[in-house]
Amino acid sequence: MEQKSNGSLIGAVVIIVLLLIAGFFFWKNSVKNKVIEQPAISETSTSADVASDVSGLEQDLNSLDLDNLDTDL
């Protein structure tokens, strides 16, 4: 009987495992390098800037029409 060599199969499995490990390594590094940027509060902002932002939010809130909110339900 002939003995079959499984060397090529083992080599292919090793290469696939190495590629998967390398891909996971690069994926992990790319996720780590992404920084979630949050708006920083500037030390030079004045209370007038904050007040104008708040007043703008209040105007938006007051302009909402909540009376007809449930008409589509």
PDB file of N, CA and C in Angstrom:
ATOM      1  N   MET A   1       0.820  -1.175   0.000  1.00  0.00           N
ATOM      2  CA  MET A   1       0.000   0.000   0.000  1.00  0.00           C
ATOM      3  C   MET A   1       0.867   1.243   0.000  1.00  0.00           C
ATOM      4  N   GLU A   2       0.351   2.247  -0.689  1.00  0.00           N
ATOM      5  CA  GLU A   2       1.079   3.509  -0.731  1.00  0.00           C
ATOM      6  C   GLU A   2       0.685   4.374   0.453  1.00  0.00           C
ATOM      7  N   GLN A   3       1.651   5.070   0.989  1.00  0.00           N
ATOM      8  CA  GLN A   3       1.353   6.016   2.049  1.00  0.00           C
ATOM      9  C   GLN A   3       1.201   7.396   1.435  1.00  0.00           C
ATOM     10  N   LYS A   4       0.110   8.067   1.757  1.00  0.00           N
ATOM     11  CA  LYS A   4      -0.132   9.409   1.227  1.00  0.00           C
ATOM     12  C   LYS A   4       0.490  10.419   2.170  1.00  0.00           C
ATOM     13  N   SER A   5       1.070  11.417   1.579  1.00  0.00           N
ATOM     14  CA  SER A   5       1.689  12.467   2.377  1.00  0.00           C
ATOM     15  C   SER A   5       0.683  13.578   2.631  1.00  0.00           C
ATOM     16  N   ASN A   6       0.551  13.927   3.870  1.00  0.00           N
ATOM     17  CA  ASN A   6      -0.362  15.016   4.241  1.00  0.00           C
ATOM     18  C   ASN A   6       0.391  16.318   4.443  1.00  0.00           C
ATOM     19  N   GLY A   7       1.605  16.390   3.968  1.00  0.00           N
ATOM     20  CA  GLY A   7       2.427  17.576   4.144  1.00  0.00           C
ATOM     21  C   GLY A   7       1.828  18.820   3.515  1.00  0.00           C
ATOM     22  N   SER A   8       1.274  18.677   2.331  1.00  0.00           N
ATOM     23  CA  SER A   8       0.703  19.849   1.660  1.00  0.00           C
ATOM     24  C   SER A   8      -0.560  20.328   2.371  1.00  0.00           C
ATOM     25  N   LEU A   9      -1.344  19.392   2.886  1.00  0.00           N
ATOM     26  CA  LEU A   9      -2.548  19.771   3.628  1.00  0.00           C
ATOM     27  C   LEU A   9      -2.173  20.477   4.917  1.00  0.00           C
ATOM     28  N   ILE A  10      -1.205  19.976   5.627  1.00  0.00           N
ATOM     29  CA  ILE A  10      -0.758  20.608   6.868  1.00  0.00           C
ATOM     30  C   ILE A  10      -0.162  21.978   6.575  1.00  0.00           C
ATOM     31  N   GLY A  11       0.611  22.096   5.502  1.00  0.00           N
ATOM     32  CA  GLY A  11       1.183  23.387   5.109  1.00  0.00           C
ATOM     33  C   GLY A  11       0.108  24.409   4.796  1.00  0.00           C
ATOM     34  N   ALA A  12      -0.943  23.987   4.082  1.00  0.00           N
ATOM     35  CA  ALA A  12      -2.036  24.901   3.741  1.00  0.00           C
ATOM     36  C   ALA A  12      -2.768  25.352   4.998  1.00  0.00           C
ATOM     37  N   VAL A  13      -2.997  24.443   5.941  1.00  0.00           N
ATOM     38  CA  VAL A  13      -3.680  24.795   7.185  1.00  0.00           C
ATOM     39  C   VAL A  13      -2.834  25.779   7.988  1.00  0.00           C
ATOM     40  N   VAL A  14      -1.530  25.574   8.043  1.00  0.00           N
ATOM     41  CA  VAL A  14      -0.641  26.473   8.775  1.00  0.00           C
ATOM     42  C   VAL A  14      -0.664  27.861   8.149  1.00  0.00           C
ATOM     43  N   ILE A  15      -0.629  27.935   6.840  1.00  0.00           N
ATOM     44  CA  ILE A  15      -0.656  29.229   6.154  1.00  0.00           C
ATOM     45  C   ILE A  15      -1.971  29.951   6.422  1.00  0.00           C
ATOM     46  N   ILE A  16      -3.079  29.227   6.380  1.00  0.00           N
ATOM     47  CA  ILE A  16      -4.388  29.845   6.632  1.00  0.00           C
ATOM     48  C   ILE A  16      -4.469  30.372   8.060  1.00  0.00           C
ATOM     49  N   VAL A  17      -3.963  29.592   9.016  1.00  0.00           N
ATOM     50  CA  VAL A  17      -3.982  30.026  10.410  1.00  0.00           C
ATOM     51  C   VAL A  17      -3.116  31.275  10.585  1.00  0.00           C
ATOM     52  N   LEU A  18      -1.955  31.311   9.954  1.00  0.00           N
ATOM     53  CA  LEU A  18      -1.094  32.489  10.050  1.00  0.00           C
ATOM     54  C   LEU A  18      -1.754  33.719   9.436  1.00  0.00           C
ATOM     55  N   LEU A  19      -2.432  33.543   8.315  1.00  0.00           N
ATOM     56  CA  LEU A  19      -3.140  34.661   7.692  1.00  0.00           C
ATOM     57  C   LEU A  19      -4.271  35.167   8.583  1.00  0.00           C
ATOM     58  N   LEU A  20      -4.984  34.252   9.234  1.00  0.00           N
ATOM     59  CA  LEU A  20      -6.054  34.663  10.131  1.00  0.00           C
ATOM     60  C   LEU A  20      -5.503  35.428  11.338  1.00  0.00           C
ATOM     61  N   ILE A  21      -4.392  34.956  11.883  1.00  0.00           N
ATOM     62  CA  ILE A  21      -3.781  35.643  13.024  1.00  0.00           C
ATOM     63  C   ILE A  21      -3.299  37.035  12.611  1.00  0.00           C
ATOM     64  N   ALA A  22      -2.665  37.139  11.445  1.00  0.00           N
ATOM     65  CA  ALA A  22      -2.179  38.438  10.965  1.00  0.00           C
ATOM     66  C   ALA A  22      -3.351  39.389  10.697  1.00  0.00           C
ATOM     67  N   GLY A  23      -4.423  38.879  10.105  1.00  0.00           N
ATOM     68  CA  GLY A  23      -5.600  39.706   9.851  1.00  0.00           C
ATOM     69  C   GLY A  23      -6.221  40.214  11.137  1.00  0.00           C
ATOM     70  N   PHE A  24      -6.311  39.352  12.141  1.00  0.00           N
ATOM     71  CA  PHE A  24      -6.854  39.762  13.429  1.00  0.00           C
ATOM     72  C   PHE A  24      -5.966  40.816  14.072  1.00  0.00           C
ATOM     73  N   PHE A  25      -4.657  40.645  13.968  1.00  0.00           N
ATOM     74  CA  PHE A  25      -3.713  41.604  14.537  1.00  0.00           C
ATOM     75  C   PHE A  25      -3.878  42.983  13.902  1.00  0.00           C
ATOM     76  N   PHE A  26      -3.953  43.023  12.566  1.00  0.00           N
ATOM     77  CA  PHE A  26      -4.103  44.307  11.878  1.00  0.00           C
ATOM     78  C   PHE A  26      -5.466  44.928  12.155  1.00  0.00           C
ATOM     79  N   TRP A  27      -6.502  44.093  12.248  1.00  0.00           N
ATOM     80  CA  TRP A  27      -7.839  44.606  12.544  1.00  0.00           C
ATOM     81  C   TRP A  27      -7.868  45.220  13.935  1.00  0.00           C
ATOM     82  N   LYS A  28      -7.260  44.554  14.916  1.00  0.00           N
ATOM     83  CA  LYS A  28      -7.223  45.065  16.281  1.00  0.00           C
ATOM     84  C   LYS A  28      -6.490  46.398  16.339  1.00  0.00           C
ATOM     85  N   ASN A  29      -5.373  46.517  15.612  1.00  0.00           N
ATOM     86  CA  ASN A  29      -4.622  47.774  15.614  1.00  0.00           C
ATOM     87  C   ASN A  29      -5.400  48.893  14.943  1.00  0.00           C
ATOM     88  N   SER A  30      -6.138  48.601  13.888  1.00  0.00           N
ATOM     89  CA  SER A  30      -6.893  49.652  13.210  1.00  0.00           C
ATOM     90  C   SER A  30      -8.040  50.134  14.086  1.00  0.00           C
ATOM     91  N   VAL A  31      -8.656  49.243  14.846  1.00  0.00           N
ATOM     92  CA  VAL A  31      -9.728  49.642  15.755  1.00  0.00           C
ATOM     93  C   VAL A  31      -9.155  50.473  16.897  1.00  0.00           C
ATOM     94  N   LYS A  32      -7.976  50.108  17.373  1.00  0.00           N
ATOM     95  CA  LYS A  32      -7.359  50.835  18.480  1.00  0.00           C
ATOM     96  C   LYS A  32      -6.952  52.233  18.045  1.00  0.00           C
ATOM     97  N   ASN A  33      -6.554  52.405  16.787  1.00  0.00           N
ATOM     98  CA  ASN A  33      -6.083  53.699  16.300  1.00  0.00           C
ATOM     99  C   ASN A  33      -7.212  54.674  16.017  1.00  0.00           C
ATOM    100  N   LYS A  34      -8.432  54.179  15.873  1.00  0.00           N
ATOM    101  CA  LYS A  34      -9.559  55.076  15.644  1.00  0.00           C
ATOM    102  C   LYS A  34      -9.911  55.746  16.954  1.00  0.00           C
ATOM    103  N   VAL A  35      -9.934  57.048  16.928  1.00  0.00           N
ATOM    104  CA  VAL A  35     -10.214  57.817  18.135  1.00  0.00           C
ATOM    105  C   VAL A  35     -11.579  58.460  17.970  1.00  0.00           C
ATOM    106  N   ILE A  36     -12.390  58.277  18.966  1.00  0.00           N
ATOM    107  CA  ILE A  36     -13.695  58.939  18.948  1.00  0.00           C
ATOM    108  C   ILE A  36     -13.477  60.364  19.430  1.00  0.00           C
ATOM    109  N   GLU A  37     -13.677  61.266  18.505  1.00  0.00           N
ATOM    110  CA  GLU A  37     -13.434  62.668  18.837  1.00  0.00           C
ATOM    111  C   GLU A  37     -14.694  63.278  19.415  1.00  0.00           C
ATOM    112  N   GLN A  38     -14.532  63.883  20.559  1.00  0.00           N
ATOM    113  CA  GLN A  38     -15.624  64.592  21.186  1.00  0.00           C
ATOM    114  C   GLN A  38     -15.289  66.078  21.160  1.00  0.00           C
ATOM    115  N   PRO A  39     -16.286  66.881  20.985  1.00  0.00           N
ATOM    116  CA  PRO A  39     -15.993  68.318  20.952  1.00  0.00           C
ATOM    117  C   PRO A  39     -15.427  68.770  22.295  1.00  0.00           C
ATOM    118  N   ALA A  40     -14.323  69.416  22.213  1.00  0.00           N
ATOM    119  CA  ALA A  40     -13.664  69.895  23.429  1.00  0.00           C
ATOM    120  C   ALA A  40     -14.242  71.245  23.811  1.00  0.00           C
ATOM    121  N   ILE A  41     -14.365  71.471  25.085  1.00  0.00           N
ATOM    122  CA  ILE A  41     -14.827  72.770  25.575  1.00  0.00           C
ATOM    123  C   ILE A  41     -13.627  73.696  25.569  1.00  0.00           C
ATOM    124  N   SER A  42     -13.766  74.727  24.824  1.00  0.00           N
ATOM    125  CA  SER A  42     -12.665  75.665  24.698  1.00  0.00           C
ATOM    126  C   SER A  42     -12.563  76.524  25.944  1.00  0.00           C
ATOM    127  N   GLU A  43     -11.343  76.761  26.344  1.00  0.00           N
ATOM    128  CA  GLU A  43     -11.139  77.619  27.516  1.00  0.00           C
ATOM    129  C   GLU A  43     -11.469  79.067  27.198  1.00  0.00           C
ATOM    130  N   THR A  44     -11.500  79.412  25.912  1.00  0.00           N
ATOM    131  CA  THR A  44     -11.764  80.793  25.531  1.00  0.00           C
ATOM    132  C   THR A  44     -13.244  81.060  25.323  1.00  0.00           C
ATOM    133  N   SER A  45     -14.096  80.042  25.478  1.00  0.00           N
ATOM    134  CA  SER A  45     -15.526  80.294  25.293  1.00  0.00           C
ATOM    135  C   SER A  45     -16.045  81.132  26.447  1.00  0.00           C
ATOM    136  N   THR A  46     -16.920  82.017  26.101  1.00  0.00           N
ATOM    137  CA  THR A  46     -17.463  82.938  27.099  1.00  0.00           C
ATOM    138  C   THR A  46     -18.865  82.504  27.478  1.00  0.00           C
ATOM    139  N   SER A  47     -19.388  83.107  28.485  1.00  0.00           N
ATOM    140  CA  SER A  47     -20.746  82.788  28.902  1.00  0.00           C
ATOM    141  C   SER A  47     -21.751  83.243  27.847  1.00  0.00           C
ATOM    142  N   ALA A  48     -21.393  84.245  27.045  1.00  0.00           N
ATOM    143  CA  ALA A  48     -22.282  84.693  25.967  1.00  0.00           C
ATOM    144  C   ALA A  48     -22.405  83.609  24.903  1.00  0.00           C
ATOM    145  N   ASP A  49     -21.288  82.905  24.623  1.00  0.00           N
ATOM    146  CA  ASP A  49     -21.341  81.810  23.646  1.00  0.00           C
ATOM    147  C   ASP A  49     -22.247  80.694  24.152  1.00  0.00           C
ATOM    148  N   VAL A  50     -22.111  80.363  25.409  1.00  0.00           N
ATOM    149  CA  VAL A  50     -22.924  79.307  26.001  1.00  0.00           C
ATOM    150  C   VAL A  50     -24.379  79.736  26.045  1.00  0.00           C
ATOM    151  N   ALA A  51     -24.633  80.990  26.363  1.00  0.00           N
ATOM    152  CA  ALA A  51     -25.999  81.496  26.434  1.00  0.00           C
ATOM    153  C   ALA A  51     -26.655  81.472  25.061  1.00  0.00           C
ATOM    154  N   SER A  52     -25.903  81.815  24.009  1.00  0.00           N
ATOM    155  CA  SER A  52     -26.485  81.788  22.665  1.00  0.00           C
ATOM    156  C   SER A  52     -26.785  80.357  22.241  1.00  0.00           C
ATOM    157  N   ASP A  53     -25.946  79.401  22.643  1.00  0.00           N
ATOM    158  CA  ASP A  53     -26.219  78.006  22.336  1.00  0.00           C
ATOM    159  C   ASP A  53     -27.474  77.529  23.048  1.00  0.00           C
ATOM    160  N   VAL A  54     -27.612  77.908  24.302  1.00  0.00           N
ATOM    161  CA  VAL A  54     -28.776  77.511  25.085  1.00  0.00           C
ATOM    162  C   VAL A  54     -30.031  78.161  24.533  1.00  0.00           C
ATOM    163  N   SER A  55     -29.944  79.415  24.159  1.00  0.00           N
ATOM    164  CA  SER A  55     -31.128  80.088  23.623  1.00  0.00           C
ATOM    165  C   SER A  55     -31.530  79.488  22.283  1.00  0.00           C
ATOM    166  N   GLY A  56     -30.557  79.079  21.499  1.00  0.00           N
ATOM    167  CA  GLY A  56     -30.874  78.420  20.235  1.00  0.00           C
ATOM    168  C   GLY A  56     -31.574  77.088  20.464  1.00  0.00           C
ATOM    169  N   LEU A  57     -31.139  76.364  21.468  1.00  0.00           N
ATOM    170  CA  LEU A  57     -31.798  75.100  21.803  1.00  0.00           C
ATOM    171  C   LEU A  57     -33.209  75.336  22.324  1.00  0.00           C
ATOM    172  N   GLU A  58     -33.370  76.384  23.112  1.00  0.00           N
ATOM    173  CA  GLU A  58     -34.702  76.705  23.620  1.00  0.00           C
ATOM    174  C   GLU A  58     -35.638  77.090  22.489  1.00  0.00           C
ATOM    175  N   GLN A  59     -35.140  77.828  21.513  1.00  0.00           N
ATOM    176  CA  GLN A  59     -35.971  78.208  20.371  1.00  0.00           C
ATOM    177  C   GLN A  59     -36.384  76.973  19.579  1.00  0.00           C
ATOM    178  N   ASP A  60     -35.462  76.055  19.385  1.00  0.00           N
ATOM    179  CA  ASP A  60     -35.795  74.821  18.679  1.00  0.00           C
ATOM    180  C   ASP A  60     -36.837  74.017  19.443  1.00  0.00           C
ATOM    181  N   LEU A  61     -36.689  73.949  20.742  1.00  0.00           N
ATOM    182  CA  LEU A  61     -37.631  73.207  21.569  1.00  0.00           C
ATOM    183  C   LEU A  61     -39.004  73.840  21.540  1.00  0.00           C
ATOM    184  N   ASN A  62     -39.046  75.163  21.594  1.00  0.00           N
ATOM    185  CA  ASN A  62     -40.330  75.865  21.577  1.00  0.00           C
ATOM    186  C   ASN A  62     -41.000  75.784  20.212  1.00  0.00           C
ATOM    187  N   SER A  63     -40.248  75.593  19.156  1.00  0.00           N
ATOM    188  CA  SER A  63     -40.842  75.542  17.821  1.00  0.00           C
ATOM    189  C   SER A  63     -41.404  74.162  17.482  1.00  0.00           C
ATOM    190  N   LEU A  64     -41.181  73.185  18.337  1.00  0.00           N
ATOM    191  CA  LEU A  64     -41.727  71.848  18.079  1.00  0.00           C
ATOM    192  C   LEU A  64     -43.228  71.847  18.274  1.00  0.00           C
ATOM    193  N   ASP A  65     -43.924  71.167  17.365  1.00  0.00           N
ATOM    194  CA  ASP A  65     -45.372  71.048  17.467  1.00  0.00           C
ATOM    195  C   ASP A  65     -45.691  69.665  18.043  1.00  0.00           C
ATOM    196  N   LEU A  66     -45.979  69.626  19.308  1.00  0.00           N
ATOM    197  CA  LEU A  66     -46.234  68.357  19.984  1.00  0.00           C
ATOM    198  C   LEU A  66     -47.718  68.023  20.053  1.00  0.00           C
ATOM    199  N   ASP A  67     -48.593  68.925  19.600  1.00  0.00           N
ATOM    200  CA  ASP A  67     -50.030  68.681  19.687  1.00  0.00           C
ATOM    201  C   ASP A  67     -50.461  67.556  18.757  1.00  0.00           C
ATOM    202  N   ASN A  68     -49.872  67.465  17.576  1.00  0.00           N
ATOM    203  CA  ASN A  68     -50.262  66.473  16.585  1.00  0.00           C
ATOM    204  C   ASN A  68     -49.281  65.296  16.533  1.00  0.00           C
ATOM    205  N   LEU A  69     -48.670  65.030  17.626  1.00  0.00           N
ATOM    206  CA  LEU A  69     -47.631  63.993  17.653  1.00  0.00           C
ATOM    207  C   LEU A  69     -48.212  62.593  17.457  1.00  0.00           C
ATOM    208  N   ASP A  70     -49.384  62.341  17.979  1.00  0.00           N
ATOM    209  CA  ASP A  70     -49.945  60.992  17.925  1.00  0.00           C
ATOM    210  C   ASP A  70     -51.000  60.812  16.843  1.00  0.00           C
ATOM    211  N   THR A  71     -51.084  61.687  15.857  1.00  0.00           N
ATOM    212  CA  THR A  71     -52.110  61.571  14.819  1.00  0.00           C
ATOM    213  C   THR A  71     -51.861  60.387  13.896  1.00  0.00           C
ATOM    214  N   ASP A  72     -50.622  59.988  13.710  1.00  0.00           N
ATOM    215  CA  ASP A  72     -50.332  58.868  12.809  1.00  0.00           C
ATOM    216  C   ASP A  72     -50.475  57.516  13.480  1.00  0.00           C
ATOM    217  N   LEU A  73     -50.688  57.502  14.770  1.00  0.00           N
ATOM    218  CA  LEU A  73     -50.800  56.238  15.479  1.00  0.00           C
ATOM    219  C   LEU A  73     -52.177  55.746  15.351  1.00  0.00           C
TER     220      LEU A  73
END
